[in-house]
PDB file of N, CA and C in Angstrom:
ATOM      1  N   MET A   1       0.841  -1.180   0.000  1.00  0.00           N
ATOM      2  CA  MET A   1       0.000   0.000   0.000  1.00  0.00           C
ATOM      3  C   MET A   1       0.886   1.243   0.000  1.00  0.00           C
ATOM      4  N   ALA A   2       0.480   2.247  -0.751  1.00  0.00           N
ATOM      5  CA  ALA A   2       1.236   3.499  -0.815  1.00  0.00           C
ATOM      6  C   ALA A   2       1.239   4.171   0.557  1.00  0.00           C
ATOM      7  N   PRO A   3       2.373   4.761   0.977  1.00  0.00           N
ATOM      8  CA  PRO A   3       2.466   5.371   2.313  1.00  0.00           C
ATOM      9  C   PRO A   3       1.408   6.437   2.579  1.00  0.00           C
ATOM     10  N   TYR A   4       1.065   7.255   1.574  1.00  0.00           N
ATOM     11  CA  TYR A   4       0.069   8.297   1.828  1.00  0.00           C
ATOM     12  C   TYR A   4      -1.303   7.706   2.114  1.00  0.00           C
ATOM     13  N   LEU A   5      -1.599   6.527   1.568  1.00  0.00           N
ATOM     14  CA  LEU A   5      -2.882   5.891   1.857  1.00  0.00           C
ATOM     15  C   LEU A   5      -2.944   5.405   3.295  1.00  0.00           C
ATOM     16  N   GLU A   6      -1.810   4.975   3.821  1.00  0.00           N
ATOM     17  CA  GLU A   6      -1.777   4.521   5.208  1.00  0.00           C
ATOM     18  C   GLU A   6      -2.060   5.670   6.169  1.00  0.00           C
ATOM     19  N   ARG A   7      -1.680   6.889   5.811  1.00  0.00           N
ATOM     20  CA  ARG A   7      -1.869   8.049   6.681  1.00  0.00           C
ATOM     21  C   ARG A   7      -3.232   8.704   6.508  1.00  0.00           C
ATOM     22  N   ALA A   8      -3.906   8.456   5.412  1.00  0.00           N
ATOM     23  CA  ALA A   8      -5.188   9.095   5.133  1.00  0.00           C
ATOM     24  C   ALA A   8      -6.310   8.366   5.861  1.00  0.00           C
ATOM     25  N   PRO A   9      -7.322   9.102   6.319  1.00  0.00           N
ATOM     26  CA  PRO A   9      -8.472   8.441   6.931  1.00  0.00           C
ATOM     27  C   PRO A   9      -9.148   7.501   5.933  1.00  0.00           C
ATOM     28  N   ALA A  10      -9.743   6.462   6.435  1.00  0.00           N
ATOM     29  CA  ALA A  10     -10.437   5.494   5.579  1.00  0.00           C
ATOM     30  C   ALA A  10     -11.440   6.223   4.692  1.00  0.00           C
ATOM     31  N   GLY A  11     -11.462   5.863   3.440  1.00  0.00           N
ATOM     32  CA  GLY A  11     -12.415   6.447   2.511  1.00  0.00           C
ATOM     33  C   GLY A  11     -11.987   7.767   1.893  1.00  0.00           C
ATOM     34  N   THR A  12     -10.794   8.281   2.236  1.00  0.00           N
ATOM     35  CA  THR A  12     -10.342   9.558   1.677  1.00  0.00           C
ATOM     36  C   THR A  12     -10.070   9.433   0.189  1.00  0.00           C
ATOM     37  N   PHE A  13      -9.350   8.402  -0.201  1.00  0.00           N
ATOM     38  CA  PHE A  13      -9.000   8.195  -1.602  1.00  0.00           C
ATOM     39  C   PHE A  13      -9.751   6.991  -2.138  1.00  0.00           C
ATOM     40  N   GLY A  14     -10.149   7.083  -3.393  1.00  0.00           N
ATOM     41  CA  GLY A  14     -10.855   5.980  -4.014  1.00  0.00           C
ATOM     42  C   GLY A  14     -10.353   5.762  -5.424  1.00  0.00           C
ATOM     43  N   PRO A  15     -10.821   4.699  -6.057  1.00  0.00           N
ATOM     44  CA  PRO A  15     -10.383   4.410  -7.424  1.00  0.00           C
ATOM     45  C   PRO A  15     -10.933   5.436  -8.416  1.00  0.00           C
ATOM     46  N   ILE A  16     -10.163   5.716  -9.426  1.00  0.00           N
ATOM     47  CA  ILE A  16     -10.556   6.672 -10.461  1.00  0.00           C
ATOM     48  C   ILE A  16     -11.854   6.238 -11.135  1.00  0.00           C
ATOM     49  N   ASP A  17     -11.978   4.953 -11.424  1.00  0.00           N
ATOM     50  CA  ASP A  17     -13.148   4.450 -12.143  1.00  0.00           C
ATOM     51  C   ASP A  17     -14.439   4.615 -11.357  1.00  0.00           C
ATOM     52  N   ALA A  18     -14.345   4.809 -10.043  1.00  0.00           N
ATOM     53  CA  ALA A  18     -15.544   4.963  -9.224  1.00  0.00           C
ATOM     54  C   ALA A  18     -16.155   6.359  -9.366  1.00  0.00           C
ATOM     55  N   GLU A  19     -15.454   7.267 -10.000  1.00  0.00           N
ATOM     56  CA  GLU A  19     -15.940   8.644 -10.146  1.00  0.00           C
ATOM     57  C   GLU A  19     -16.164   8.957 -11.630  1.00  0.00           C
ATOM     58  N   PRO A  20     -17.405   8.861 -12.108  1.00  0.00           N
ATOM     59  CA  PRO A  20     -17.675   9.061 -13.534  1.00  0.00           C
ATOM     60  C   PRO A  20     -17.301  10.451 -14.046  1.00  0.00           C
ATOM     61  N   ARG A  21     -17.274  11.457 -13.174  1.00  0.00           N
ATOM     62  CA  ARG A  21     -16.909  12.810 -13.615  1.00  0.00           C
ATOM     63  C   ARG A  21     -15.461  12.893 -14.077  1.00  0.00           C
ATOM     64  N   LEU A  22     -14.645  11.886 -13.768  1.00  0.00           N
ATOM     65  CA  LEU A  22     -13.233  11.915 -14.143  1.00  0.00           C
ATOM     66  C   LEU A  22     -12.950  11.196 -15.461  1.00  0.00           C
ATOM     67  N   ALA A  23     -13.988  10.790 -16.160  1.00  0.00           N
ATOM     68  CA  ALA A  23     -13.793  10.099 -17.443  1.00  0.00           C
ATOM     69  C   ALA A  23     -12.993  10.954 -18.419  1.00  0.00           C
ATOM     70  N   GLY A  24     -13.193  12.252 -18.398  1.00  0.00           N
ATOM     71  CA  GLY A  24     -12.444  13.142 -19.282  1.00  0.00           C
ATOM     72  C   GLY A  24     -10.955  13.130 -19.003  1.00  0.00           C
ATOM     73  N   PHE A  25     -10.584  13.016 -17.735  1.00  0.00           N
ATOM     74  CA  PHE A  25      -9.166  12.942 -17.379  1.00  0.00           C
ATOM     75  C   PHE A  25      -8.553  11.637 -17.882  1.00  0.00           C
ATOM     76  N   ARG A  26      -9.278  10.540 -17.708  1.00  0.00           N
ATOM     77  CA  ARG A  26      -8.793   9.262 -18.246  1.00  0.00           C
ATOM     78  C   ARG A  26      -8.597   9.380 -19.754  1.00  0.00           C
ATOM     79  N   ASP A  27      -9.529  10.039 -20.412  1.00  0.00           N
ATOM     80  CA  ASP A  27      -9.449  10.209 -21.858  1.00  0.00           C
ATOM     81  C   ASP A  27      -8.224  11.039 -22.254  1.00  0.00           C
ATOM     82  N   VAL A  28      -7.964  12.126 -21.546  1.00  0.00           N
ATOM     83  CA  VAL A  28      -6.787  12.961 -21.839  1.00  0.00           C
ATOM     84  C   VAL A  28      -5.515  12.152 -21.679  1.00  0.00           C
ATOM     85  N   PHE A  29      -5.364  11.496 -20.543  1.00  0.00           N
ATOM     86  CA  PHE A  29      -4.091  10.864 -20.222  1.00  0.00           C
ATOM     87  C   PHE A  29      -3.864   9.524 -20.913  1.00  0.00           C
ATOM     88  N   THR A  30      -4.879   8.983 -21.567  1.00  0.00           N
ATOM     89  CA  THR A  30      -4.666   7.775 -22.370  1.00  0.00           C
ATOM     90  C   THR A  30      -4.524   8.106 -23.855  1.00  0.00           C
ATOM     91  N   HIS A  31      -4.629   9.387 -24.212  1.00  0.00           N
ATOM     92  CA  HIS A  31      -4.507   9.815 -25.610  1.00  0.00           C
ATOM     93  C   HIS A  31      -3.590  11.034 -25.731  1.00  0.00           C
ATOM     94  N   LEU A  32      -2.461  11.022 -25.055  1.00  0.00           N
ATOM     95  CA  LEU A  32      -1.572  12.185 -25.062  1.00  0.00           C
ATOM     96  C   LEU A  32      -0.973  12.477 -26.434  1.00  0.00           C
ATOM     97  N   ASP A  33      -0.941  11.507 -27.331  1.00  0.00           N
ATOM     98  CA  ASP A  33      -0.401  11.728 -28.675  1.00  0.00           C
ATOM     99  C   ASP A  33      -1.487  12.025 -29.708  1.00  0.00           C
ATOM    100  N   SER A  34      -2.703  12.195 -29.259  1.00  0.00           N
ATOM    101  CA  SER A  34      -3.822  12.427 -30.165  1.00  0.00           C
ATOM    102  C   SER A  34      -3.769  13.840 -30.756  1.00  0.00           C
ATOM    103  N   PRO A  35      -4.067  13.983 -32.060  1.00  0.00           N
ATOM    104  CA  PRO A  35      -4.101  15.325 -32.645  1.00  0.00           C
ATOM    105  C   PRO A  35      -5.223  16.191 -32.071  1.00  0.00           C
ATOM    106  N   ASP A  36      -6.262  15.556 -31.517  1.00  0.00           N
ATOM    107  CA  ASP A  36      -7.346  16.342 -30.923  1.00  0.00           C
ATOM    108  C   ASP A  36      -7.183  16.508 -29.412  1.00  0.00           C
ATOM    109  N   LEU A  37      -5.944  16.428 -28.935  1.00  0.00           N
ATOM    110  CA  LEU A  37      -5.674  16.596 -27.505  1.00  0.00           C
ATOM    111  C   LEU A  37      -6.175  17.939 -26.968  1.00  0.00           C
ATOM    112  N   PRO A  38      -6.030  19.064 -27.683  1.00  0.00           N
ATOM    113  CA  PRO A  38      -6.562  20.320 -27.143  1.00  0.00           C
ATOM    114  C   PRO A  38      -8.062  20.248 -26.836  1.00  0.00           C
ATOM    115  N   GLY A  39      -8.826  19.606 -27.701  1.00  0.00           N
ATOM    116  CA  GLY A  39     -10.256  19.452 -27.440  1.00  0.00           C
ATOM    117  C   GLY A  39     -10.534  18.561 -26.248  1.00  0.00           C
ATOM    118  N   ARG A  40      -9.762  17.507 -26.112  1.00  0.00           N
ATOM    119  CA  ARG A  40      -9.925  16.607 -24.968  1.00  0.00           C
ATOM    120  C   ARG A  40      -9.624  17.342 -23.662  1.00  0.00           C
ATOM    121  N   ILE A  41      -8.549  18.139 -23.661  1.00  0.00           N
ATOM    122  CA  ILE A  41      -8.209  18.921 -22.469  1.00  0.00           C
ATOM    123  C   ILE A  41      -9.306  19.939 -22.186  1.00  0.00           C
ATOM    124  N   GLY A  42      -9.832  20.559 -23.233  1.00  0.00           N
ATOM    125  CA  GLY A  42     -10.911  21.527 -23.060  1.00  0.00           C
ATOM    126  C   GLY A  42     -12.160  20.929 -22.449  1.00  0.00           C
ATOM    127  N   THR A  43     -12.413  19.669 -22.742  1.00  0.00           N
ATOM    128  CA  THR A  43     -13.571  18.976 -22.174  1.00  0.00           C
ATOM    129  C   THR A  43     -13.335  18.585 -20.719  1.00  0.00           C
ATOM    130  N   ALA A  44     -12.110  18.205 -20.383  1.00  0.00           N
ATOM    131  CA  ALA A  44     -11.819  17.672 -19.048  1.00  0.00           C
ATOM    132  C   ALA A  44     -11.485  18.745 -18.015  1.00  0.00           C
ATOM    133  N   TYR A  45     -10.833  19.815 -18.431  1.00  0.00           N
ATOM    134  CA  TYR A  45     -10.304  20.801 -17.487  1.00  0.00           C
ATOM    135  C   TYR A  45     -11.103  22.092 -17.501  1.00  0.00           C
ATOM    136  N   ALA A  46     -11.264  22.694 -16.334  1.00  0.00           N
ATOM    137  CA  ALA A  46     -11.819  24.041 -16.220  1.00  0.00           C
ATOM    138  C   ALA A  46     -10.803  25.027 -16.789  1.00  0.00           C
ATOM    139  N   GLU A  47     -11.214  26.256 -17.001  1.00  0.00           N
ATOM    140  CA  GLU A  47     -10.296  27.275 -17.524  1.00  0.00           C
ATOM    141  C   GLU A  47      -9.125  27.503 -16.567  1.00  0.00           C
ATOM    142  N   THR A  48      -9.382  27.500 -15.267  1.00  0.00           N
ATOM    143  CA  THR A  48      -8.308  27.643 -14.275  1.00  0.00           C
ATOM    144  C   THR A  48      -8.334  26.443 -13.337  1.00  0.00           C
ATOM    145  N   PHE A  49      -7.155  26.001 -12.929  1.00  0.00           N
ATOM    146  CA  PHE A  49      -6.997  24.817 -12.084  1.00  0.00           C
ATOM    147  C   PHE A  49      -5.576  24.828 -11.565  1.00  0.00           C
ATOM    148  N   TRP A  50      -5.178  23.797 -10.859  1.00  0.00           N
ATOM    149  CA  TRP A  50      -3.799  23.663 -10.385  1.00  0.00           C
ATOM    150  C   TRP A  50      -3.266  22.334 -10.875  1.00  0.00           C
ATOM    151  N   PHE A  51      -2.156  22.373 -11.623  1.00  0.00           N
ATOM    152  CA  PHE A  51      -1.517  21.184 -12.189  1.00  0.00           C
ATOM    153  C   PHE A  51      -0.042  21.256 -11.842  1.00  0.00           C
ATOM    154  N   ASN A  52       0.498  20.181 -11.272  1.00  0.00           N
ATOM    155  CA  ASN A  52       1.917  20.145 -10.933  1.00  0.00           C
ATOM    156  C   ASN A  52       2.469  18.780 -11.274  1.00  0.00           C
ATOM    157  N   ASP A  53       3.582  18.763 -12.032  1.00  0.00           N
ATOM    158  CA  ASP A  53       4.221  17.493 -12.376  1.00  0.00           C
ATOM    159  C   ASP A  53       5.715  17.497 -12.043  1.00  0.00           C
ATOM    160  N   THR A  54       6.142  18.230 -11.075  1.00  0.00           N
ATOM    161  CA  THR A  54       7.523  18.395 -10.630  1.00  0.00           C
ATOM    162  C   THR A  54       8.276  19.381 -11.510  1.00  0.00           C
ATOM    163  N   PHE A  55       8.137  19.283 -12.832  1.00  0.00           N
ATOM    164  CA  PHE A  55       8.816  20.203 -13.741  1.00  0.00           C
ATOM    165  C   PHE A  55       8.022  21.483 -13.969  1.00  0.00           C
ATOM    166  N   HIS A  56       6.709  21.382 -13.925  1.00  0.00           N
ATOM    167  CA  HIS A  56       5.846  22.521 -14.241  1.00  0.00           C
ATOM    168  C   HIS A  56       4.713  22.630 -13.229  1.00  0.00           C
ATOM    169  N   THR A  57       4.347  23.846 -12.927  1.00  0.00           N
ATOM    170  CA  THR A  57       3.116  24.132 -12.207  1.00  0.00           C
ATOM    171  C   THR A  57       2.309  25.057 -13.109  1.00  0.00           C
ATOM    172  N   LEU A  58       1.151  24.596 -13.505  1.00  0.00           N
ATOM    173  CA  LEU A  58       0.312  25.328 -14.452  1.00  0.00           C
ATOM    174  C   LEU A  58      -1.026  25.632 -13.803  1.00  0.00           C
ATOM    175  N   GLN A  59      -1.646  26.731 -14.238  1.00  0.00           N
ATOM    176  CA  GLN A  59      -2.928  27.115 -13.664  1.00  0.00           C
ATOM    177  C   GLN A  59      -3.986  27.468 -14.702  1.00  0.00           C
ATOM    178  N   ARG A  60      -3.625  27.395 -15.985  1.00  0.00           N
ATOM    179  CA  ARG A  60      -4.584  27.724 -17.035  1.00  0.00           C
ATOM    180  C   ARG A  60      -4.619  26.615 -18.086  1.00  0.00           C
ATOM    181  N   ARG A  61      -5.793  26.409 -18.633  1.00  0.00           N
ATOM    182  CA  ARG A  61      -5.995  25.350 -19.620  1.00  0.00           C
ATOM    183  C   ARG A  61      -5.095  25.534 -20.841  1.00  0.00           C
ATOM    184  N   ASP A  62      -4.943  26.760 -21.334  1.00  0.00           N
ATOM    185  CA  ASP A  62      -4.100  26.972 -22.512  1.00  0.00           C
ATOM    186  C   ASP A  62      -2.642  26.611 -22.233  1.00  0.00           C
ATOM    187  N   GLN A  63      -2.180  26.797 -20.997  1.00  0.00           N
ATOM    188  CA  GLN A  63      -0.817  26.401 -20.637  1.00  0.00           C
ATOM    189  C   GLN A  63      -0.657  24.885 -20.695  1.00  0.00           C
ATOM    190  N   LEU A  64      -1.672  24.167 -20.212  1.00  0.00           N
ATOM    191  CA  LEU A  64      -1.614  22.707 -20.226  1.00  0.00           C
ATOM    192  C   LEU A  64      -1.629  22.178 -21.659  1.00  0.00           C
ATOM    193  N   VAL A  65      -2.467  22.762 -22.502  1.00  0.00           N
ATOM    194  CA  VAL A  65      -2.500  22.361 -23.913  1.00  0.00           C
ATOM    195  C   VAL A  65      -1.127  22.575 -24.537  1.00  0.00           C
ATOM    196  N   GLN A  66      -0.545  23.745 -24.332  1.00  0.00           N
ATOM    197  CA  GLN A  66       0.770  24.047 -24.906  1.00  0.00           C
ATOM    198  C   GLN A  66       1.824  23.070 -24.396  1.00  0.00           C
ATOM    199  N   TYR A  67       1.797  22.767 -23.108  1.00  0.00           N
ATOM    200  CA  TYR A  67       2.774  21.859 -22.511  1.00  0.00           C
ATOM    201  C   TYR A  67       2.688  20.469 -23.137  1.00  0.00           C
ATOM    202  N   PHE A  68       1.492  19.874 -23.159  1.00  0.00           N
ATOM    203  CA  PHE A  68       1.361  18.522 -23.690  1.00  0.00           C
ATOM    204  C   PHE A  68       1.568  18.474 -25.202  1.00  0.00           C
ATOM    205  N   MET A  69       1.155  19.510 -25.915  1.00  0.00           N
ATOM    206  CA  MET A  69       1.394  19.530 -27.361  1.00  0.00           C
ATOM    207  C   MET A  69       2.891  19.623 -27.647  1.00  0.00           C
ATOM    208  N   SER A  70       3.643  20.306 -26.788  1.00  0.00           N
ATOM    209  CA  SER A  70       5.092  20.424 -26.999  1.00  0.00           C
ATOM    210  C   SER A  70       5.807  19.090 -26.800  1.00  0.00           C
ATOM    211  N   LEU A  71       5.186  18.160 -26.081  1.00  0.00           N
ATOM    212  CA  LEU A  71       5.784  16.842 -25.864  1.00  0.00           C
ATOM    213  C   LEU A  71       5.525  15.888 -27.028  1.00  0.00           C
ATOM    214  N   GLN A  72       4.473  16.139 -27.790  1.00  0.00           N
ATOM    215  CA  GLN A  72       4.118  15.237 -28.881  1.00  0.00           C
ATOM    216  C   GLN A  72       5.239  15.166 -29.908  1.00  0.00           C
ATOM    217  N   GLY A  73       5.624  13.953 -30.259  1.00  0.00           N
ATOM    218  CA  GLY A  73       6.647  13.731 -31.258  1.00  0.00           C
ATOM    219  C   GLY A  73       8.071  13.901 -30.758  1.00  0.00           C
ATOM    220  N   LYS A  74       8.229  14.386 -29.538  1.00  0.00           N
ATOM    221  CA  LYS A  74       9.568  14.604 -28.986  1.00  0.00           C
ATOM    222  C   LYS A  74       9.874  13.691 -27.813  1.00  0.00           C
ATOM    223  N   SER A  75       8.851  13.008 -27.338  1.00  0.00           N
ATOM    224  CA  SER A  75       9.037  12.160 -26.166  1.00  0.00           C
ATOM    225  C   SER A  75       7.983  11.065 -26.171  1.00  0.00           C
ATOM    226  N   ARG A  76       8.185  10.125 -25.288  1.00  0.00           N
ATOM    227  CA  ARG A  76       7.167   9.104 -25.027  1.00  0.00           C
ATOM    228  C   ARG A  76       6.679   9.369 -23.614  1.00  0.00           C
ATOM    229  N   THR A  77       5.424   9.737 -23.494  1.00  0.00           N
ATOM    230  CA  THR A  77       4.864  10.124 -22.204  1.00  0.00           C
ATOM    231  C   THR A  77       3.758   9.155 -21.826  1.00  0.00           C
ATOM    232  N   THR A  78       3.850   8.603 -20.624  1.00  0.00           N
ATOM    233  CA  THR A  78       2.783   7.745 -20.107  1.00  0.00           C
ATOM    234  C   THR A  78       2.373   8.250 -18.733  1.00  0.00           C
ATOM    235  N   VAL A  79       1.093   8.197 -18.477  1.00  0.00           N
ATOM    236  CA  VAL A  79       0.541   8.633 -17.198  1.00  0.00           C
ATOM    237  C   VAL A  79      -0.256   7.480 -16.617  1.00  0.00           C
ATOM    238  N   THR A  80      -0.022   7.200 -15.348  1.00  0.00           N
ATOM    239  CA  THR A  80      -0.794   6.198 -14.623  1.00  0.00           C
ATOM    240  C   THR A  80      -1.621   6.923 -13.573  1.00  0.00           C
ATOM    241  N   LEU A  81      -2.937   6.845 -13.694  1.00  0.00           N
ATOM    242  CA  LEU A  81      -3.822   7.461 -12.711  1.00  0.00           C
ATOM    243  C   LEU A  81      -3.907   6.535 -11.507  1.00  0.00           C
ATOM    244  N   LEU A  82      -3.613   7.068 -10.320  1.00  0.00           N
ATOM    245  CA  LEU A  82      -3.533   6.239  -9.120  1.00  0.00           C
ATOM    246  C   LEU A  82      -4.835   6.204  -8.340  1.00  0.00           C
ATOM    247  N   ASP A  83      -5.314   7.366  -7.921  1.00  0.00           N
ATOM    248  CA  ASP A  83      -6.523   7.422  -7.112  1.00  0.00           C
ATOM    249  C   ASP A  83      -7.028   8.851  -7.069  1.00  0.00           C
ATOM    250  N   VAL A  84      -8.143   9.043  -6.391  1.00  0.00           N
ATOM    251  CA  VAL A  84      -8.759  10.364  -6.351  1.00  0.00           C
ATOM    252  C   VAL A  84      -9.425  10.586  -5.000  1.00  0.00           C
ATOM    253  N   ALA A  85      -9.403  11.835  -4.560  1.00  0.00           N
ATOM    254  CA  ALA A  85     -10.197  12.275  -3.412  1.00  0.00           C
ATOM    255  C   ALA A  85     -11.134  13.353  -3.947  1.00  0.00           C
ATOM    256  N   VAL A  86     -12.432  13.172  -3.769  1.00  0.00           N
ATOM    257  CA  VAL A  86     -13.426  14.114  -4.268  1.00  0.00           C
ATOM    258  C   VAL A  86     -14.094  14.786  -3.084  1.00  0.00           C
ATOM    259  N   MET A  87     -14.147  16.119  -3.147  1.00  0.00           N
ATOM    260  CA  MET A  87     -14.810  16.918  -2.122  1.00  0.00           C
ATOM    261  C   MET A  87     -15.736  17.896  -2.830  1.00  0.00           C
ATOM    262  N   GLY A  88     -16.997  17.548  -2.965  1.00  0.00           N
ATOM    263  CA  GLY A  88     -17.940  18.397  -3.687  1.00  0.00           C
ATOM    264  C   GLY A  88     -17.556  18.510  -5.146  1.00  0.00           C
ATOM    265  N   ASP A  89     -17.347  19.752  -5.599  1.00  0.00           N
ATOM    266  CA  ASP A  89     -16.962  19.991  -6.990  1.00  0.00           C
ATOM    267  C   ASP A  89     -15.460  19.921  -7.212  1.00  0.00           C
ATOM    268  N   HIS A  90     -14.691  19.645  -6.179  1.00  0.00           N
ATOM    269  CA  HIS A  90     -13.233  19.606  -6.275  1.00  0.00           C
ATOM    270  C   HIS A  90     -12.738  18.167  -6.227  1.00  0.00           C
ATOM    271  N   ALA A  91     -11.685  17.906  -6.990  1.00  0.00           N
ATOM    272  CA  ALA A  91     -11.092  16.569  -6.999  1.00  0.00           C
ATOM    273  C   ALA A  91      -9.575  16.697  -6.954  1.00  0.00           C
ATOM    274  N   LEU A  92      -8.963  15.859  -6.149  1.00  0.00           N
ATOM    275  CA  LEU A  92      -7.510  15.749  -6.097  1.00  0.00           C
ATOM    276  C   LEU A  92      -7.169  14.420  -6.743  1.00  0.00           C
ATOM    277  N   LEU A  93      -6.575  14.490  -7.907  1.00  0.00           N
ATOM    278  CA  LEU A  93      -6.244  13.306  -8.694  1.00  0.00           C
ATOM    279  C   LEU A  93      -4.759  13.038  -8.537  1.00  0.00           C
ATOM    280  N   ARG A  94      -4.414  11.861  -8.070  1.00  0.00           N
ATOM    281  CA  ARG A  94      -3.004  11.494  -7.908  1.00  0.00           C
ATOM    282  C   ARG A  94      -2.606  10.592  -9.057  1.00  0.00           C
ATOM    283  N   TRP A  95      -1.401  10.855  -9.593  1.00  0.00           N
ATOM    284  CA  TRP A  95      -0.947  10.130 -10.766  1.00  0.00           C
ATOM    285  C   TRP A  95       0.562  10.135 -10.810  1.00  0.00           C
ATOM    286  N   THR A  96       1.107   9.251 -11.633  1.00  0.00           N
ATOM    287  CA  THR A  96       2.538   9.269 -11.924  1.00  0.00           C
ATOM    288  C   THR A  96       2.701   9.474 -13.425  1.00  0.00           C
ATOM    289  N   MET A  97       3.738  10.212 -13.778  1.00  0.00           N
ATOM    290  CA  MET A  97       4.023  10.480 -15.182  1.00  0.00           C
ATOM    291  C   MET A  97       5.451  10.047 -15.481  1.00  0.00           C
ATOM    292  N   ARG A  98       5.603   9.400 -16.611  1.00  0.00           N
ATOM    293  CA  ARG A  98       6.933   9.000 -17.072  1.00  0.00           C
ATOM    294  C   ARG A  98       7.133   9.617 -18.454  1.00  0.00           C
ATOM    295  N   ILE A  99       8.218  10.362 -18.603  1.00  0.00           N
ATOM    296  CA  ILE A  99       8.549  10.981 -19.878  1.00  0.00           C
ATOM    297  C   ILE A  99       9.920  10.479 -20.298  1.00  0.00           C
ATOM    298  N   GLU A 100       9.987   9.900 -21.486  1.00  0.00           N
ATOM    299  CA  GLU A 100      11.252   9.428 -22.048  1.00  0.00           C
ATOM    300  C   GLU A 100      11.588  10.294 -23.253  1.00  0.00           C
ATOM    301  N   PHE A 101      12.740  10.948 -23.185  1.00  0.00           N
ATOM    302  CA  PHE A 101      13.207  11.799 -24.275  1.00  0.00           C
ATOM    303  C   PHE A 101      14.304  11.086 -25.045  1.00  0.00           C
ATOM    304  N   SER A 102      14.376  11.358 -26.331  1.00  0.00           N
ATOM    305  CA  SER A 102      15.504  10.897 -27.142  1.00  0.00           C
ATOM    306  C   SER A 102      16.542  12.011 -27.160  1.00  0.00           C
ATOM    307  N   LEU A 103      17.793  11.630 -27.079  1.00  0.00           N
ATOM    308  CA  LEU A 103      18.859  12.613 -27.203  1.00  0.00           C
ATOM    309  C   LEU A 103      19.000  12.980 -28.671  1.00  0.00           C
ATOM    310  N   LEU A 104      19.033  14.253 -28.971  1.00  0.00           N
ATOM    311  CA  LEU A 104      19.046  14.712 -30.362  1.00  0.00           C
ATOM    312  C   LEU A 104      20.253  14.218 -31.138  1.00  0.00           C
ATOM    313  N   TRP A 105      21.375  14.022 -30.465  1.00  0.00           N
ATOM    314  CA  TRP A 105      22.589  13.604 -31.159  1.00  0.00           C
ATOM    315  C   TRP A 105      22.744  12.090 -31.218  1.00  0.00           C
ATOM    316  N   LYS A 106      21.749  11.356 -30.694  1.00  0.00           N
ATOM    317  CA  LYS A 106      21.785   9.892 -30.760  1.00  0.00           C
ATOM    318  C   LYS A 106      20.535   9.384 -31.454  1.00  0.00           C
ATOM    319  N   ASP A 107      20.668   8.292 -32.173  1.00  0.00           N
ATOM    320  CA  ASP A 107      19.496   7.682 -32.826  1.00  0.00           C
ATOM    321  C   ASP A 107      19.064   6.445 -32.099  1.00  0.00           C
TER     322      ASP A 107
END
C-alpha cells in the first residue's frame, strides 16, 4: 500500500473508475499523442486549475495544452492514474508520469 494511503483516513482516496466525472481525465491521459488533444483537455479541465508534475506548475488550460502539445513527437509520455479524493466539486487526482526523451545527437 502506498504510504500516503496509510496516513489518510479510511475512505479519503478511491479508485478513479468509481468517479464518472473523471472520465475526461482518463481520456486525456490515455490519448496524449492524439491530434485532438486540445479538445480533450478543453472537455476535461476548467479554464483555471492547479496542475503540478515536478517540472511545471500550471494554472490555465491553454498552458496545459501548450505543454502537452510540446511533448508530442519529442518524447514518449505515459501517465498512470492512481486514485482520487473528491470533495464536492473539487477533486484531487493522484498520478505518476513517465517521460522518455531521445537525445538529439543519438538515434
